[in-house]
Amino acid sequence: LSTTQTVDQPVDIVLYDAFAQPETDTA
């Protein structure tokens, strides 16, 4: 689980929950 917009270990899928942020925030 990340509240810092990073992923620190290998995972099959990142599920980017777009609550209160742009769905397509490019960065």
PDB file of all heavy atoms in Angstrom:
ATOM      1  N   LEU A   1       0.863  -1.173   0.000  1.00  0.00           N
ATOM      2  CA  LEU A   1       0.000   0.000   0.000  1.00  0.00           C
ATOM      3  C   LEU A   1       0.897   1.219   0.000  1.00  0.00           C
ATOM      4  O   LEU A   1       1.867   1.284   0.746  1.00  0.00           O
ATOM      5  CB  LEU A   1      -0.889   0.043   1.244  1.00  0.00           C
ATOM      6  CG  LEU A   1      -1.901  -1.084   1.430  1.00  0.00           C
ATOM      7  CD1 LEU A   1      -2.727  -0.818   2.690  1.00  0.00           C
ATOM      8  CD2 LEU A   1      -2.817  -1.181   0.228  1.00  0.00           C
ATOM      9  N   SER A   2       0.585   2.202  -0.834  1.00  0.00           N
ATOM     10  CA  SER A   2       1.439   3.385  -0.917  1.00  0.00           C
ATOM     11  C   SER A   2       0.606   4.653  -0.896  1.00  0.00           C
ATOM     12  O   SER A   2      -0.330   4.809  -1.674  1.00  0.00           O
ATOM     13  CB  SER A   2       2.275   3.352  -2.200  1.00  0.00           C
ATOM     14  OG  SER A   2       3.013   4.562  -2.320  1.00  0.00           O
ATOM     15  N   THR A   3       0.958   5.564   0.021  1.00  0.00           N
ATOM     16  CA  THR A   3       0.390   6.914  -0.007  1.00  0.00           C
ATOM     17  C   THR A   3       1.469   7.913  -0.419  1.00  0.00           C
ATOM     18  O   THR A   3       1.338   9.111  -0.195  1.00  0.00           O
ATOM     19  CB  THR A   3      -0.170   7.307   1.380  1.00  0.00           C
ATOM     20  OG1 THR A   3       0.854   7.151   2.368  1.00  0.00           O
ATOM     21  CG2 THR A   3      -1.361   6.447   1.737  1.00  0.00           C
ATOM     22  N   THR A   4       2.536   7.415  -1.014  1.00  0.00           N
ATOM     23  CA  THR A   4       3.623   8.293  -1.442  1.00  0.00           C
ATOM     24  C   THR A   4       3.847   8.230  -2.949  1.00  0.00           C
ATOM     25  O   THR A   4       4.849   8.725  -3.456  1.00  0.00           O
ATOM     26  CB  THR A   4       4.929   7.925  -0.723  1.00  0.00           C
ATOM     27  OG1 THR A   4       5.255   6.565  -1.005  1.00  0.00           O
ATOM     28  CG2 THR A   4       4.795   8.109   0.775  1.00  0.00           C
ATOM     29  N   GLN A   5       2.933   7.589  -3.693  1.00  0.00           N
ATOM     30  CA  GLN A   5       3.012   7.503  -5.146  1.00  0.00           C
ATOM     31  C   GLN A   5       4.275   6.779  -5.620  1.00  0.00           C
ATOM     32  O   GLN A   5       4.816   7.098  -6.677  1.00  0.00           O
ATOM     33  CB  GLN A   5       2.942   8.901  -5.781  1.00  0.00           C
ATOM     34  CG  GLN A   5       1.689   9.678  -5.408  1.00  0.00           C
ATOM     35  CD  GLN A   5       0.420   9.045  -5.928  1.00  0.00           C
ATOM     36  OE1 GLN A   5       0.384   8.491  -7.008  1.00  0.00           O
ATOM     37  NE2 GLN A   5      -0.647   9.107  -5.157  1.00  0.00           N
ATOM     38  N   THR A   6       4.746   5.819  -4.822  1.00  0.00           N
ATOM     39  CA  THR A   6       5.889   5.010  -5.232  1.00  0.00           C
ATOM     40  C   THR A   6       5.566   3.538  -5.030  1.00  0.00           C
ATOM     41  O   THR A   6       4.670   3.191  -4.264  1.00  0.00           O
ATOM     42  CB  THR A   6       7.149   5.356  -4.415  1.00  0.00           C
ATOM     43  OG1 THR A   6       6.892   5.098  -3.022  1.00  0.00           O
ATOM     44  CG2 THR A   6       7.553   6.802  -4.605  1.00  0.00           C
ATOM     45  N   VAL A   7       6.300   2.690  -5.725  1.00  0.00           N
ATOM     46  CA  VAL A   7       6.198   1.246  -5.539  1.00  0.00           C
ATOM     47  C   VAL A   7       7.605   0.732  -5.306  1.00  0.00           C
ATOM     48  O   VAL A   7       8.510   0.979  -6.104  1.00  0.00           O
ATOM     49  CB  VAL A   7       5.565   0.568  -6.769  1.00  0.00           C
ATOM     50  CG1 VAL A   7       5.613  -0.950  -6.635  1.00  0.00           C
ATOM     51  CG2 VAL A   7       4.121   1.034  -6.934  1.00  0.00           C
ATOM     52  N   ASP A   8       7.800   0.025  -4.194  1.00  0.00           N
ATOM     53  CA  ASP A   8       9.149  -0.330  -3.757  1.00  0.00           C
ATOM     54  C   ASP A   8       9.481  -1.812  -3.880  1.00  0.00           C
ATOM     55  O   ASP A   8      10.580  -2.222  -3.526  1.00  0.00           O
ATOM     56  CB  ASP A   8       9.348   0.104  -2.297  1.00  0.00           C
ATOM     57  CG  ASP A   8       9.178   1.605  -2.105  1.00  0.00           C
ATOM     58  OD1 ASP A   8       9.646   2.359  -2.982  1.00  0.00           O
ATOM     59  OD2 ASP A   8       8.572   2.016  -1.105  1.00  0.00           O
ATOM     60  N   GLN A   9       8.542  -2.614  -4.359  1.00  0.00           N
ATOM     61  CA  GLN A   9       8.801  -4.035  -4.523  1.00  0.00           C
ATOM     62  C   GLN A   9       8.104  -4.532  -5.780  1.00  0.00           C
ATOM     63  O   GLN A   9       7.148  -3.909  -6.252  1.00  0.00           O
ATOM     64  CB  GLN A   9       8.335  -4.827  -3.304  1.00  0.00           C
ATOM     65  CG  GLN A   9       6.840  -4.695  -3.005  1.00  0.00           C
ATOM     66  CD  GLN A   9       6.425  -5.507  -1.798  1.00  0.00           C
ATOM     67  OE1 GLN A   9       6.512  -6.728  -1.806  1.00  0.00           O
ATOM     68  NE2 GLN A   9       5.979  -4.818  -0.753  1.00  0.00           N
ATOM     69  N   PRO A  10       8.568  -5.645  -6.354  1.00  0.00           N
ATOM     70  CA  PRO A  10       7.938  -6.125  -7.590  1.00  0.00           C
ATOM     71  C   PRO A  10       6.478  -6.523  -7.361  1.00  0.00           C
ATOM     72  O   PRO A  10       6.155  -7.233  -6.402  1.00  0.00           O
ATOM     73  CB  PRO A  10       8.783  -7.350  -7.953  1.00  0.00           C
ATOM     74  CG  PRO A  10      10.065  -7.185  -7.220  1.00  0.00           C
ATOM     75  CD  PRO A  10       9.722  -6.466  -5.949  1.00  0.00           C
ATOM     76  N   VAL A  11       5.597  -6.042  -8.233  1.00  0.00           N
ATOM     77  CA  VAL A  11       4.181  -6.411  -8.188  1.00  0.00           C
ATOM     78  C   VAL A  11       3.693  -6.639  -9.615  1.00  0.00           C
ATOM     79  O   VAL A  11       4.247  -6.105 -10.567  1.00  0.00           O
ATOM     80  CB  VAL A  11       3.309  -5.321  -7.514  1.00  0.00           C
ATOM     81  CG1 VAL A  11       3.631  -5.194  -6.037  1.00  0.00           C
ATOM     82  CG2 VAL A  11       3.462  -3.977  -8.207  1.00  0.00           C
ATOM     83  N   ASP A  12       2.653  -7.443  -9.727  1.00  0.00           N
ATOM     84  CA  ASP A  12       2.086  -7.699 -11.051  1.00  0.00           C
ATOM     85  C   ASP A  12       1.293  -6.502 -11.563  1.00  0.00           C
ATOM     86  O   ASP A  12       1.334  -6.185 -12.756  1.00  0.00           O
ATOM     87  CB  ASP A  12       1.174  -8.935 -10.999  1.00  0.00           C
ATOM     88  CG  ASP A  12       1.937 -10.205 -10.675  1.00  0.00           C
ATOM     89  OD1 ASP A  12       3.018 -10.415 -11.256  1.00  0.00           O
ATOM     90  OD2 ASP A  12       1.460 -10.991  -9.828  1.00  0.00           O
ATOM     91  N   ILE A  13       0.560  -5.839 -10.663  1.00  0.00           N
ATOM     92  CA  ILE A  13      -0.304  -4.727 -11.065  1.00  0.00           C
ATOM     93  C   ILE A  13      -0.238  -3.612 -10.029  1.00  0.00           C
ATOM     94  O   ILE A  13      -0.315  -3.868  -8.820  1.00  0.00           O
ATOM     95  CB  ILE A  13      -1.769  -5.186 -11.218  1.00  0.00           C
ATOM     96  CG1 ILE A  13      -1.908  -6.183 -12.371  1.00  0.00           C
ATOM     97  CG2 ILE A  13      -2.703  -3.993 -11.444  1.00  0.00           C
ATOM     98  CD1 ILE A  13      -3.302  -6.784 -12.499  1.00  0.00           C
ATOM     99  N   VAL A  14      -0.106  -2.377 -10.510  1.00  0.00           N
ATOM    100  CA  VAL A  14      -0.323  -1.194  -9.675  1.00  0.00           C
ATOM    101  C   VAL A  14      -1.754  -0.734  -9.904  1.00  0.00           C
ATOM    102  O   VAL A  14      -2.143  -0.438 -11.039  1.00  0.00           O
ATOM    103  CB  VAL A  14       0.658  -0.065 -10.034  1.00  0.00           C
ATOM    104  CG1 VAL A  14       0.261   1.227  -9.315  1.00  0.00           C
ATOM    105  CG2 VAL A  14       2.078  -0.445  -9.673  1.00  0.00           C
ATOM    106  N   LEU A  15      -2.544  -0.696  -8.831  1.00  0.00           N
ATOM    107  CA  LEU A  15      -3.916  -0.211  -8.897  1.00  0.00           C
ATOM    108  C   LEU A  15      -3.907   1.229  -8.382  1.00  0.00           C
ATOM    109  O   LEU A  15      -3.809   1.475  -7.180  1.00  0.00           O
ATOM    110  CB  LEU A  15      -4.836  -1.095  -8.055  1.00  0.00           C
ATOM    111  CG  LEU A  15      -6.336  -0.833  -8.175  1.00  0.00           C
ATOM    112  CD1 LEU A  15      -6.824  -1.023  -9.610  1.00  0.00           C
ATOM    113  CD2 LEU A  15      -7.124  -1.741  -7.236  1.00  0.00           C
ATOM    114  N   TYR A  16      -3.975   2.171  -9.329  1.00  0.00           N
ATOM    115  CA  TYR A  16      -3.859   3.603  -9.025  1.00  0.00           C
ATOM    116  C   TYR A  16      -5.249   4.156  -8.738  1.00  0.00           C
ATOM    117  O   TYR A  16      -6.044   4.386  -9.648  1.00  0.00           O
ATOM    118  CB  TYR A  16      -3.208   4.300 -10.212  1.00  0.00           C
ATOM    119  CG  TYR A  16      -3.113   5.806 -10.144  1.00  0.00           C
ATOM    120  CD1 TYR A  16      -2.101   6.426  -9.427  1.00  0.00           C
ATOM    121  CD2 TYR A  16      -4.010   6.610 -10.844  1.00  0.00           C
ATOM    122  CE1 TYR A  16      -1.986   7.814  -9.395  1.00  0.00           C
ATOM    123  CE2 TYR A  16      -3.907   7.994 -10.818  1.00  0.00           C
ATOM    124  CZ  TYR A  16      -2.896   8.590 -10.089  1.00  0.00           C
ATOM    125  OH  TYR A  16      -2.794   9.962 -10.059  1.00  0.00           O
ATOM    126  N   ASP A  17      -5.559   4.325  -7.464  1.00  0.00           N
ATOM    127  CA  ASP A  17      -6.853   4.867  -7.073  1.00  0.00           C
ATOM    128  C   ASP A  17      -6.834   6.370  -7.271  1.00  0.00           C
ATOM    129  O   ASP A  17      -5.970   7.067  -6.730  1.00  0.00           O
ATOM    130  CB  ASP A  17      -7.136   4.514  -5.611  1.00  0.00           C
ATOM    131  CG  ASP A  17      -8.553   4.823  -5.211  1.00  0.00           C
ATOM    132  OD1 ASP A  17      -8.952   6.000  -5.306  1.00  0.00           O
ATOM    133  OD2 ASP A  17      -9.274   3.897  -4.801  1.00  0.00           O
ATOM    134  N   ALA A  18      -7.770   6.879  -8.060  1.00  0.00           N
ATOM    135  CA  ALA A  18      -7.728   8.278  -8.479  1.00  0.00           C
ATOM    136  C   ALA A  18      -8.520   9.204  -7.573  1.00  0.00           C
ATOM    137  O   ALA A  18      -8.897  10.299  -7.980  1.00  0.00           O
ATOM    138  CB  ALA A  18      -8.240   8.400  -9.918  1.00  0.00           C
ATOM    139  N   PHE A  19      -8.756   8.816  -6.311  1.00  0.00           N
ATOM    140  CA  PHE A  19      -9.489   9.683  -5.396  1.00  0.00           C
ATOM    141  C   PHE A  19      -8.760  11.011  -5.213  1.00  0.00           C
ATOM    142  O   PHE A  19      -7.586  11.049  -4.843  1.00  0.00           O
ATOM    143  CB  PHE A  19      -9.655   8.997  -4.033  1.00  0.00           C
ATOM    144  CG  PHE A  19     -10.319   9.864  -3.002  1.00  0.00           C
ATOM    145  CD1 PHE A  19     -11.700   9.939  -2.935  1.00  0.00           C
ATOM    146  CD2 PHE A  19      -9.575  10.621  -2.118  1.00  0.00           C
ATOM    147  CE1 PHE A  19     -12.321  10.750  -1.997  1.00  0.00           C
ATOM    148  CE2 PHE A  19     -10.170  11.436  -1.177  1.00  0.00           C
ATOM    149  CZ  PHE A  19     -11.548  11.502  -1.112  1.00  0.00           C
ATOM    150  N   ALA A  20      -9.465  12.105  -5.488  1.00  0.00           N
ATOM    151  CA  ALA A  20      -8.974  13.467  -5.255  1.00  0.00           C
ATOM    152  C   ALA A  20      -7.668  13.774  -5.972  1.00  0.00           C
ATOM    153  O   ALA A  20      -6.835  14.528  -5.480  1.00  0.00           O
ATOM    154  CB  ALA A  20      -8.826  13.750  -3.758  1.00  0.00           C
ATOM    155  N   GLN A  21      -7.485  13.178  -7.141  1.00  0.00           N
ATOM    156  CA  GLN A  21      -6.341  13.504  -7.986  1.00  0.00           C
ATOM    157  C   GLN A  21      -6.737  13.222  -9.434  1.00  0.00           C
ATOM    158  O   GLN A  21      -7.638  12.418  -9.682  1.00  0.00           O
ATOM    159  CB  GLN A  21      -5.122  12.675  -7.592  1.00  0.00           C
ATOM    160  CG  GLN A  21      -5.357  11.184  -7.529  1.00  0.00           C
ATOM    161  CD  GLN A  21      -4.265  10.480  -6.756  1.00  0.00           C
ATOM    162  OE1 GLN A  21      -3.092  10.688  -7.019  1.00  0.00           O
ATOM    163  NE2 GLN A  21      -4.647   9.645  -5.798  1.00  0.00           N
ATOM    164  N   PRO A  22      -6.103  13.883 -10.382  1.00  0.00           N
ATOM    165  CA  PRO A  22      -6.472  13.654 -11.781  1.00  0.00           C
ATOM    166  C   PRO A  22      -6.242  12.204 -12.192  1.00  0.00           C
ATOM    167  O   PRO A  22      -5.190  11.625 -11.918  1.00  0.00           O
ATOM    168  CB  PRO A  22      -5.534  14.604 -12.547  1.00  0.00           C
ATOM    169  CG  PRO A  22      -5.153  15.642 -11.555  1.00  0.00           C
ATOM    170  CD  PRO A  22      -5.095  14.937 -10.231  1.00  0.00           C
ATOM    171  N   GLU A  23      -7.241  11.606 -12.864  1.00  0.00           N
ATOM    172  CA  GLU A  23      -7.121  10.217 -13.298  1.00  0.00           C
ATOM    173  C   GLU A  23      -5.930  10.006 -14.221  1.00  0.00           C
ATOM    174  O   GLU A  23      -5.323   8.944 -14.228  1.00  0.00           O
ATOM    175  CB  GLU A  23      -8.402   9.768 -14.024  1.00  0.00           C
ATOM    176  CG  GLU A  23      -9.541   9.354 -13.103  1.00  0.00           C
ATOM    177  CD  GLU A  23     -10.308  10.549 -12.529  1.00  0.00           C
ATOM    178  OE1 GLU A  23      -9.870  11.695 -12.750  1.00  0.00           O
ATOM    179  OE2 GLU A  23     -11.327  10.324 -11.855  1.00  0.00           O
ATOM    180  N   THR A  24      -5.623  11.015 -15.009  1.00  0.00           N
ATOM    181  CA  THR A  24      -4.544  10.859 -15.984  1.00  0.00           C
ATOM    182  C   THR A  24      -3.402  11.835 -15.691  1.00  0.00           C
ATOM    183  O   THR A  24      -2.866  12.457 -16.589  1.00  0.00           O
ATOM    184  CB  THR A  24      -5.079  11.060 -17.413  1.00  0.00           C
ATOM    185  OG1 THR A  24      -5.735  12.327 -17.493  1.00  0.00           O
ATOM    186  CG2 THR A  24      -6.038   9.955 -17.779  1.00  0.00           C
ATOM    187  N   ASP A  25      -3.073  11.979 -14.417  1.00  0.00           N
ATOM    188  CA  ASP A  25      -1.915  12.781 -14.049  1.00  0.00           C
ATOM    189  C   ASP A  25      -0.678  12.140 -14.676  1.00  0.00           C
ATOM    190  O   ASP A  25      -0.233  11.072 -14.266  1.00  0.00           O
ATOM    191  CB  ASP A  25      -1.783  12.823 -12.523  1.00  0.00           C
ATOM    192  CG  ASP A  25      -0.682  13.767 -12.066  1.00  0.00           C
ATOM    193  OD1 ASP A  25       0.461  13.545 -12.475  1.00  0.00           O
ATOM    194  OD2 ASP A  25      -0.975  14.698 -11.299  1.00  0.00           O
ATOM    195  N   THR A  26      -0.141  12.780 -15.684  1.00  0.00           N
ATOM    196  CA  THR A  26       0.929  12.182 -16.489  1.00  0.00           C
ATOM    197  C   THR A  26       2.141  11.816 -15.651  1.00  0.00           C
ATOM    198  O   THR A  26       2.696  10.718 -15.780  1.00  0.00           O
ATOM    199  CB  THR A  26       1.351  13.147 -17.610  1.00  0.00           C
ATOM    200  OG1 THR A  26       0.205  13.459 -18.404  1.00  0.00           O
ATOM    201  CG2 THR A  26       2.415  12.515 -18.491  1.00  0.00           C
ATOM    202  N   ALA A  27       2.553  12.719 -14.761  1.00  0.00           N
ATOM    203  CA  ALA A  27       3.745  12.461 -13.955  1.00  0.00           C
ATOM    204  C   ALA A  27       3.547  11.258 -13.054  1.00  0.00           C
ATOM    205  O   ALA A  27       4.407  10.369 -12.964  1.00  0.00           O
ATOM    206  CB  ALA A  27       4.103  13.698 -13.145  1.00  0.00           C
TER     207      ALA A  27
END
